[in-house]
Amino acid sequence: MKNQVVVVIGHRLGKGQKVAAGVEKAGGKAIVIPGMAADMKLGDAMKENNATIGISFCGSGGAGALMAANKYGYKAKHHLRSVEAGVTALKEGNTVLGFGFMDVEELGEKLVKAYIDLNER
């Protein structure tokens, strides 16, 4: 792999550890933003860490992703509700993904694998 995939995770309730475990299982580097309302800090943390992908979690699945897109111009897709929807969003060229609450290992693992597959052709 050319460069390690860096994934920043911002969760409204301060979670994200399961997704982070999936990211690392697939060979990526996960950065979980600590604390409540972490989703609103996603764009800042992505910029600071030169992230490859940003994942925002909140009830609607939009707030943190929209904030990152508006503040930094990241291409974002929000209101996602499944692993497959996230993979499709990556294939469409999005780097910021907004989900409803979905802190599951499978999500992190499949997103990193999909990103690697898309970018190592």
N, C-alpha and C. Protein backbone atom coordinates (compact mmCIF):
# COMPACT_ATOMS: atom_id res chain seq x y z
N MET A 1 0.85 -1.18 0.00
CA MET A 1 0.00 0.00 0.00
C MET A 1 0.89 1.24 0.00
N LYS A 2 0.55 2.19 -0.84
CA LYS A 2 1.35 3.40 -0.97
C LYS A 2 1.37 4.21 0.32
N ASN A 3 0.21 4.68 0.74
CA ASN A 3 0.09 5.46 1.97
C ASN A 3 -0.98 4.83 2.84
N GLN A 4 -0.79 4.94 4.14
CA GLN A 4 -1.79 4.40 5.06
C GLN A 4 -3.06 5.23 4.98
N VAL A 5 -4.19 4.56 5.02
CA VAL A 5 -5.49 5.22 5.02
C VAL A 5 -5.76 5.72 6.44
N VAL A 6 -5.92 7.04 6.58
CA VAL A 6 -6.18 7.66 7.88
C VAL A 6 -7.66 8.03 7.94
N VAL A 7 -8.35 7.49 8.94
CA VAL A 7 -9.78 7.70 9.08
C VAL A 7 -10.05 8.42 10.40
N VAL A 8 -10.67 9.59 10.30
CA VAL A 8 -11.07 10.34 11.50
C VAL A 8 -12.54 10.04 11.76
N ILE A 9 -12.86 9.75 13.02
CA ILE A 9 -14.22 9.37 13.41
C ILE A 9 -14.73 10.37 14.44
N GLY A 10 -15.86 11.01 14.11
CA GLY A 10 -16.50 11.94 15.04
C GLY A 10 -17.90 11.46 15.35
N HIS A 11 -18.16 11.15 16.59
CA HIS A 11 -19.45 10.59 17.02
C HIS A 11 -20.12 11.56 17.99
N ARG A 12 -21.38 11.86 17.76
CA ARG A 12 -22.13 12.82 18.58
C ARG A 12 -22.09 12.47 20.07
N LEU A 13 -22.06 11.18 20.39
CA LEU A 13 -22.07 10.75 21.79
C LEU A 13 -20.70 10.34 22.29
N GLY A 14 -19.66 10.68 21.54
CA GLY A 14 -18.30 10.40 21.99
C GLY A 14 -17.85 8.96 21.79
N LYS A 15 -18.55 8.22 20.95
CA LYS A 15 -18.18 6.82 20.71
C LYS A 15 -17.38 6.73 19.41
N GLY A 16 -17.34 5.54 18.82
CA GLY A 16 -16.62 5.32 17.57
C GLY A 16 -15.53 4.28 17.68
N GLN A 17 -15.36 3.69 18.85
CA GLN A 17 -14.28 2.74 19.07
C GLN A 17 -14.43 1.46 18.26
N LYS A 18 -15.66 1.02 18.01
CA LYS A 18 -15.87 -0.21 17.23
C LYS A 18 -15.50 0.03 15.77
N VAL A 19 -15.92 1.16 15.22
CA VAL A 19 -15.54 1.49 13.84
C VAL A 19 -14.02 1.60 13.75
N ALA A 20 -13.41 2.22 14.74
CA ALA A 20 -11.94 2.36 14.76
C ALA A 20 -11.26 1.00 14.74
N ALA A 21 -11.80 0.04 15.48
CA ALA A 21 -11.22 -1.32 15.48
C ALA A 21 -11.28 -1.92 14.09
N GLY A 22 -12.37 -1.70 13.37
CA GLY A 22 -12.50 -2.20 12.00
C GLY A 22 -11.52 -1.54 11.05
N VAL A 23 -11.33 -0.23 11.21
CA VAL A 23 -10.37 0.51 10.39
C VAL A 23 -8.98 -0.09 10.57
N GLU A 24 -8.59 -0.32 11.81
CA GLU A 24 -7.26 -0.84 12.09
C GLU A 24 -7.12 -2.29 11.66
N LYS A 25 -8.19 -3.07 11.76
CA LYS A 25 -8.18 -4.46 11.29
C LYS A 25 -7.88 -4.53 9.79
N ALA A 26 -8.35 -3.52 9.05
CA ALA A 26 -8.13 -3.47 7.60
C ALA A 26 -6.80 -2.80 7.23
N GLY A 27 -6.02 -2.39 8.23
CA GLY A 27 -4.72 -1.81 7.96
C GLY A 27 -4.68 -0.29 7.96
N GLY A 28 -5.79 0.35 8.30
CA GLY A 28 -5.82 1.81 8.36
C GLY A 28 -5.44 2.33 9.73
N LYS A 29 -5.34 3.63 9.82
CA LYS A 29 -5.08 4.30 11.09
C LYS A 29 -6.36 5.04 11.48
N ALA A 30 -6.88 4.75 12.67
CA ALA A 30 -8.11 5.39 13.13
C ALA A 30 -7.81 6.46 14.16
N ILE A 31 -8.47 7.60 14.02
CA ILE A 31 -8.38 8.67 15.01
C ILE A 31 -9.81 8.97 15.46
N VAL A 32 -10.09 8.66 16.72
CA VAL A 32 -11.42 8.91 17.28
C VAL A 32 -11.37 10.24 18.04
N ILE A 33 -12.21 11.18 17.61
CA ILE A 33 -12.27 12.47 18.29
C ILE A 33 -12.98 12.25 19.62
N PRO A 34 -12.35 12.64 20.74
CA PRO A 34 -12.97 12.39 22.04
C PRO A 34 -14.10 13.37 22.38
N GLY A 35 -15.02 12.91 23.22
CA GLY A 35 -16.02 13.79 23.80
C GLY A 35 -17.32 13.90 23.04
N MET A 36 -18.29 14.45 23.75
CA MET A 36 -19.61 14.69 23.18
C MET A 36 -19.52 15.70 22.04
N ALA A 37 -20.40 15.56 21.07
CA ALA A 37 -20.47 16.45 19.90
C ALA A 37 -19.20 16.41 19.06
N ALA A 38 -18.49 15.30 19.12
CA ALA A 38 -17.25 15.15 18.35
C ALA A 38 -17.50 15.24 16.85
N ASP A 39 -18.71 14.89 16.42
CA ASP A 39 -19.02 14.95 14.98
C ASP A 39 -18.86 16.36 14.42
N MET A 40 -19.11 17.36 15.24
CA MET A 40 -19.02 18.75 14.78
C MET A 40 -17.57 19.21 14.61
N LYS A 41 -16.62 18.43 15.10
CA LYS A 41 -15.20 18.76 14.99
C LYS A 41 -14.52 17.96 13.87
N LEU A 42 -15.30 17.20 13.10
CA LEU A 42 -14.75 16.29 12.11
C LEU A 42 -13.85 16.98 11.09
N GLY A 43 -14.32 18.04 10.47
CA GLY A 43 -13.53 18.73 9.46
C GLY A 43 -12.22 19.25 10.01
N ASP A 44 -12.26 19.84 11.19
CA ASP A 44 -11.03 20.36 11.81
C ASP A 44 -10.04 19.23 12.06
N ALA A 45 -10.52 18.10 12.58
CA ALA A 45 -9.63 16.97 12.88
C ALA A 45 -9.10 16.33 11.60
N MET A 46 -9.91 16.30 10.56
CA MET A 46 -9.44 15.76 9.28
C MET A 46 -8.31 16.62 8.73
N LYS A 47 -8.51 17.91 8.74
CA LYS A 47 -7.50 18.85 8.23
C LYS A 47 -6.20 18.71 9.05
N GLU A 48 -6.35 18.71 10.36
CA GLU A 48 -5.20 18.63 11.27
C GLU A 48 -4.39 17.34 11.07
N ASN A 49 -5.07 16.24 10.77
CA ASN A 49 -4.41 14.94 10.65
C ASN A 49 -4.21 14.49 9.21
N ASN A 50 -4.50 15.39 8.25
CA ASN A 50 -4.36 15.06 6.83
C ASN A 50 -5.06 13.73 6.52
N ALA A 51 -6.31 13.63 6.95
CA ALA A 51 -7.06 12.38 6.86
C ALA A 51 -7.47 12.04 5.44
N THR A 52 -7.62 10.75 5.21
CA THR A 52 -8.08 10.22 3.94
C THR A 52 -9.60 10.22 3.89
N ILE A 53 -10.21 9.77 5.00
CA ILE A 53 -11.66 9.63 5.11
C ILE A 53 -12.10 10.19 6.46
N GLY A 54 -13.27 10.81 6.47
CA GLY A 54 -13.89 11.25 7.71
C GLY A 54 -15.25 10.61 7.85
N ILE A 55 -15.55 10.13 9.06
CA ILE A 55 -16.85 9.52 9.33
C ILE A 55 -17.51 10.27 10.46
N SER A 56 -18.73 10.73 10.21
CA SER A 56 -19.51 11.46 11.20
C SER A 56 -20.72 10.62 11.59
N PHE A 57 -20.98 10.55 12.89
CA PHE A 57 -22.16 9.85 13.39
C PHE A 57 -23.01 10.79 14.24
N CYS A 58 -24.29 10.87 13.91
CA CYS A 58 -25.25 11.55 14.77
C CYS A 58 -26.62 10.96 14.46
N GLY A 59 -27.63 11.41 15.11
CA GLY A 59 -28.96 10.86 14.90
C GLY A 59 -29.39 10.90 13.45
N SER A 60 -29.23 12.04 12.82
CA SER A 60 -29.67 12.19 11.43
C SER A 60 -28.61 11.72 10.45
N GLY A 61 -27.36 11.81 10.83
CA GLY A 61 -26.28 11.44 9.93
C GLY A 61 -25.82 12.56 9.03
N GLY A 62 -26.13 13.79 9.38
CA GLY A 62 -25.77 14.88 8.50
C GLY A 62 -24.92 15.98 9.07
N ALA A 63 -25.09 16.31 10.32
CA ALA A 63 -24.51 17.54 10.88
C ALA A 63 -23.00 17.65 10.72
N GLY A 64 -22.26 16.69 11.20
CA GLY A 64 -20.80 16.76 11.13
C GLY A 64 -20.27 16.71 9.72
N ALA A 65 -20.91 15.89 8.87
CA ALA A 65 -20.49 15.79 7.47
C ALA A 65 -20.72 17.11 6.75
N LEU A 66 -21.86 17.72 6.98
CA LEU A 66 -22.16 19.01 6.35
C LEU A 66 -21.20 20.10 6.83
N MET A 67 -20.89 20.09 8.11
CA MET A 67 -19.96 21.08 8.67
C MET A 67 -18.58 20.94 8.02
N ALA A 68 -18.10 19.70 7.88
CA ALA A 68 -16.79 19.46 7.26
C ALA A 68 -16.80 19.90 5.79
N ALA A 69 -17.88 19.61 5.10
CA ALA A 69 -17.99 19.99 3.69
C ALA A 69 -18.04 21.51 3.53
N ASN A 70 -18.83 22.16 4.35
CA ASN A 70 -18.99 23.62 4.25
C ASN A 70 -17.72 24.37 4.65
N LYS A 71 -17.06 23.91 5.70
CA LYS A 71 -15.90 24.64 6.21
C LYS A 71 -14.63 24.40 5.37
N TYR A 72 -14.45 23.15 4.89
CA TYR A 72 -13.20 22.81 4.21
C TYR A 72 -13.36 22.36 2.77
N GLY A 73 -14.58 22.21 2.30
CA GLY A 73 -14.80 21.82 0.92
C GLY A 73 -14.66 20.34 0.63
N TYR A 74 -14.62 19.51 1.68
CA TYR A 74 -14.57 18.07 1.45
C TYR A 74 -15.84 17.63 0.74
N LYS A 75 -15.71 16.68 -0.17
CA LYS A 75 -16.89 16.12 -0.83
C LYS A 75 -17.56 15.16 0.16
N ALA A 76 -18.82 15.41 0.45
CA ALA A 76 -19.50 14.66 1.51
C ALA A 76 -20.81 14.06 1.03
N LYS A 77 -21.14 12.93 1.63
CA LYS A 77 -22.45 12.30 1.45
C LYS A 77 -22.96 12.02 2.85
N HIS A 78 -24.19 12.38 3.11
CA HIS A 78 -24.72 12.24 4.47
C HIS A 78 -26.04 11.50 4.47
N HIS A 79 -26.55 11.26 5.66
CA HIS A 79 -27.78 10.50 5.89
C HIS A 79 -27.65 9.06 5.41
N LEU A 80 -26.45 8.50 5.55
CA LEU A 80 -26.20 7.11 5.17
C LEU A 80 -26.67 6.19 6.30
N ARG A 81 -27.16 5.01 5.91
CA ARG A 81 -27.73 4.11 6.91
C ARG A 81 -27.22 2.67 6.83
N SER A 82 -26.24 2.41 5.96
CA SER A 82 -25.73 1.04 5.85
C SER A 82 -24.27 1.05 5.41
N VAL A 83 -23.60 -0.08 5.64
CA VAL A 83 -22.22 -0.24 5.20
C VAL A 83 -22.15 -0.09 3.68
N GLU A 84 -23.09 -0.71 2.98
CA GLU A 84 -23.11 -0.67 1.52
C GLU A 84 -23.25 0.77 1.01
N ALA A 85 -24.09 1.56 1.67
CA ALA A 85 -24.26 2.96 1.27
C ALA A 85 -22.95 3.73 1.44
N GLY A 86 -22.20 3.42 2.49
CA GLY A 86 -20.91 4.06 2.71
C GLY A 86 -19.90 3.70 1.63
N VAL A 87 -19.86 2.43 1.27
CA VAL A 87 -18.95 1.98 0.21
C VAL A 87 -19.31 2.65 -1.11
N THR A 88 -20.60 2.73 -1.41
CA THR A 88 -21.05 3.40 -2.64
C THR A 88 -20.65 4.87 -2.63
N ALA A 89 -20.80 5.53 -1.49
CA ALA A 89 -20.42 6.94 -1.38
C ALA A 89 -18.93 7.13 -1.65
N LEU A 90 -18.09 6.22 -1.16
CA LEU A 90 -16.65 6.29 -1.46
C LEU A 90 -16.41 6.13 -2.96
N LYS A 91 -17.11 5.19 -3.57
CA LYS A 91 -16.94 4.95 -5.01
C LYS A 91 -17.35 6.18 -5.81
N GLU A 92 -18.25 6.99 -5.26
CA GLU A 92 -18.69 8.22 -5.92
C GLU A 92 -17.72 9.38 -5.68
N GLY A 93 -16.64 9.13 -4.95
CA GLY A 93 -15.62 10.15 -4.74
C GLY A 93 -15.76 10.97 -3.47
N ASN A 94 -16.66 10.58 -2.58
CA ASN A 94 -16.82 11.30 -1.31
C ASN A 94 -15.73 10.89 -0.34
N THR A 95 -15.26 11.85 0.45
CA THR A 95 -14.26 11.55 1.47
C THR A 95 -14.81 11.75 2.87
N VAL A 96 -15.96 12.39 2.99
CA VAL A 96 -16.63 12.56 4.28
C VAL A 96 -17.97 11.85 4.20
N LEU A 97 -18.20 10.97 5.16
CA LEU A 97 -19.41 10.15 5.17
C LEU A 97 -20.17 10.38 6.46
N GLY A 98 -21.44 10.74 6.35
CA GLY A 98 -22.28 10.99 7.52
C GLY A 98 -23.29 9.87 7.70
N PHE A 99 -23.23 9.23 8.86
CA PHE A 99 -24.11 8.10 9.17
C PHE A 99 -24.99 8.42 10.37
N GLY A 100 -26.12 7.72 10.44
CA GLY A 100 -26.86 7.66 11.70
C GLY A 100 -25.99 6.85 12.65
N PHE A 101 -26.44 6.64 13.86
CA PHE A 101 -25.62 5.90 14.83
C PHE A 101 -25.38 4.47 14.35
N MET A 102 -24.12 4.16 14.04
CA MET A 102 -23.74 2.85 13.49
C MET A 102 -22.32 2.49 13.90
N ASP A 103 -22.02 2.46 15.16
CA ASP A 103 -20.66 2.17 15.61
C ASP A 103 -20.42 0.66 15.57
N VAL A 104 -20.13 0.16 14.34
CA VAL A 104 -19.89 -1.27 14.16
C VAL A 104 -18.56 -1.49 13.44
N GLU A 105 -17.86 -2.52 13.84
CA GLU A 105 -16.53 -2.82 13.29
C GLU A 105 -16.57 -3.02 11.77
N GLU A 106 -17.60 -3.69 11.28
CA GLU A 106 -17.72 -3.99 9.85
C GLU A 106 -17.64 -2.72 9.01
N LEU A 107 -18.22 -1.63 9.49
CA LEU A 107 -18.22 -0.38 8.74
C LEU A 107 -16.81 0.12 8.51
N GLY A 108 -16.01 0.21 9.55
CA GLY A 108 -14.64 0.68 9.41
C GLY A 108 -13.80 -0.21 8.52
N GLU A 109 -13.94 -1.50 8.70
CA GLU A 109 -13.16 -2.46 7.92
C GLU A 109 -13.51 -2.38 6.43
N LYS A 110 -14.78 -2.38 6.10
CA LYS A 110 -15.19 -2.39 4.69
C LYS A 110 -14.89 -1.06 4.00
N LEU A 111 -14.99 0.05 4.72
CA LEU A 111 -14.67 1.33 4.11
C LEU A 111 -13.19 1.42 3.75
N VAL A 112 -12.32 0.99 4.65
CA VAL A 112 -10.88 1.03 4.36
C VAL A 112 -10.54 0.09 3.22
N LYS A 113 -11.08 -1.11 3.23
CA LYS A 113 -10.81 -2.06 2.15
C LYS A 113 -11.29 -1.51 0.81
N ALA A 114 -12.48 -0.91 0.80
CA ALA A 114 -13.01 -0.33 -0.44
C ALA A 114 -12.13 0.80 -0.92
N TYR A 115 -11.69 1.66 -0.02
CA TYR A 115 -10.83 2.78 -0.41
C TYR A 115 -9.52 2.26 -1.02
N ILE A 116 -8.93 1.26 -0.40
CA ILE A 116 -7.69 0.70 -0.91
C ILE A 116 -7.92 0.10 -2.30
N ASP A 117 -9.00 -0.66 -2.46
CA ASP A 117 -9.32 -1.26 -3.75
C ASP A 117 -9.49 -0.21 -4.83
N LEU A 118 -10.17 0.88 -4.50
CA LEU A 118 -10.44 1.95 -5.46
C LEU A 118 -9.18 2.71 -5.87
N ASN A 119 -8.24 2.82 -4.96
CA ASN A 119 -7.09 3.68 -5.20
C ASN A 119 -5.81 2.96 -5.54
N GLU A 120 -5.84 1.64 -5.62
CA GLU A 120 -4.63 0.90 -5.98
C GLU A 120 -4.78 0.17 -7.30
N ARG A 121 -5.71 0.62 -8.09
CA ARG A 121 -5.89 -0.01 -9.42
C ARG A 121 -4.87 0.52 -10.38
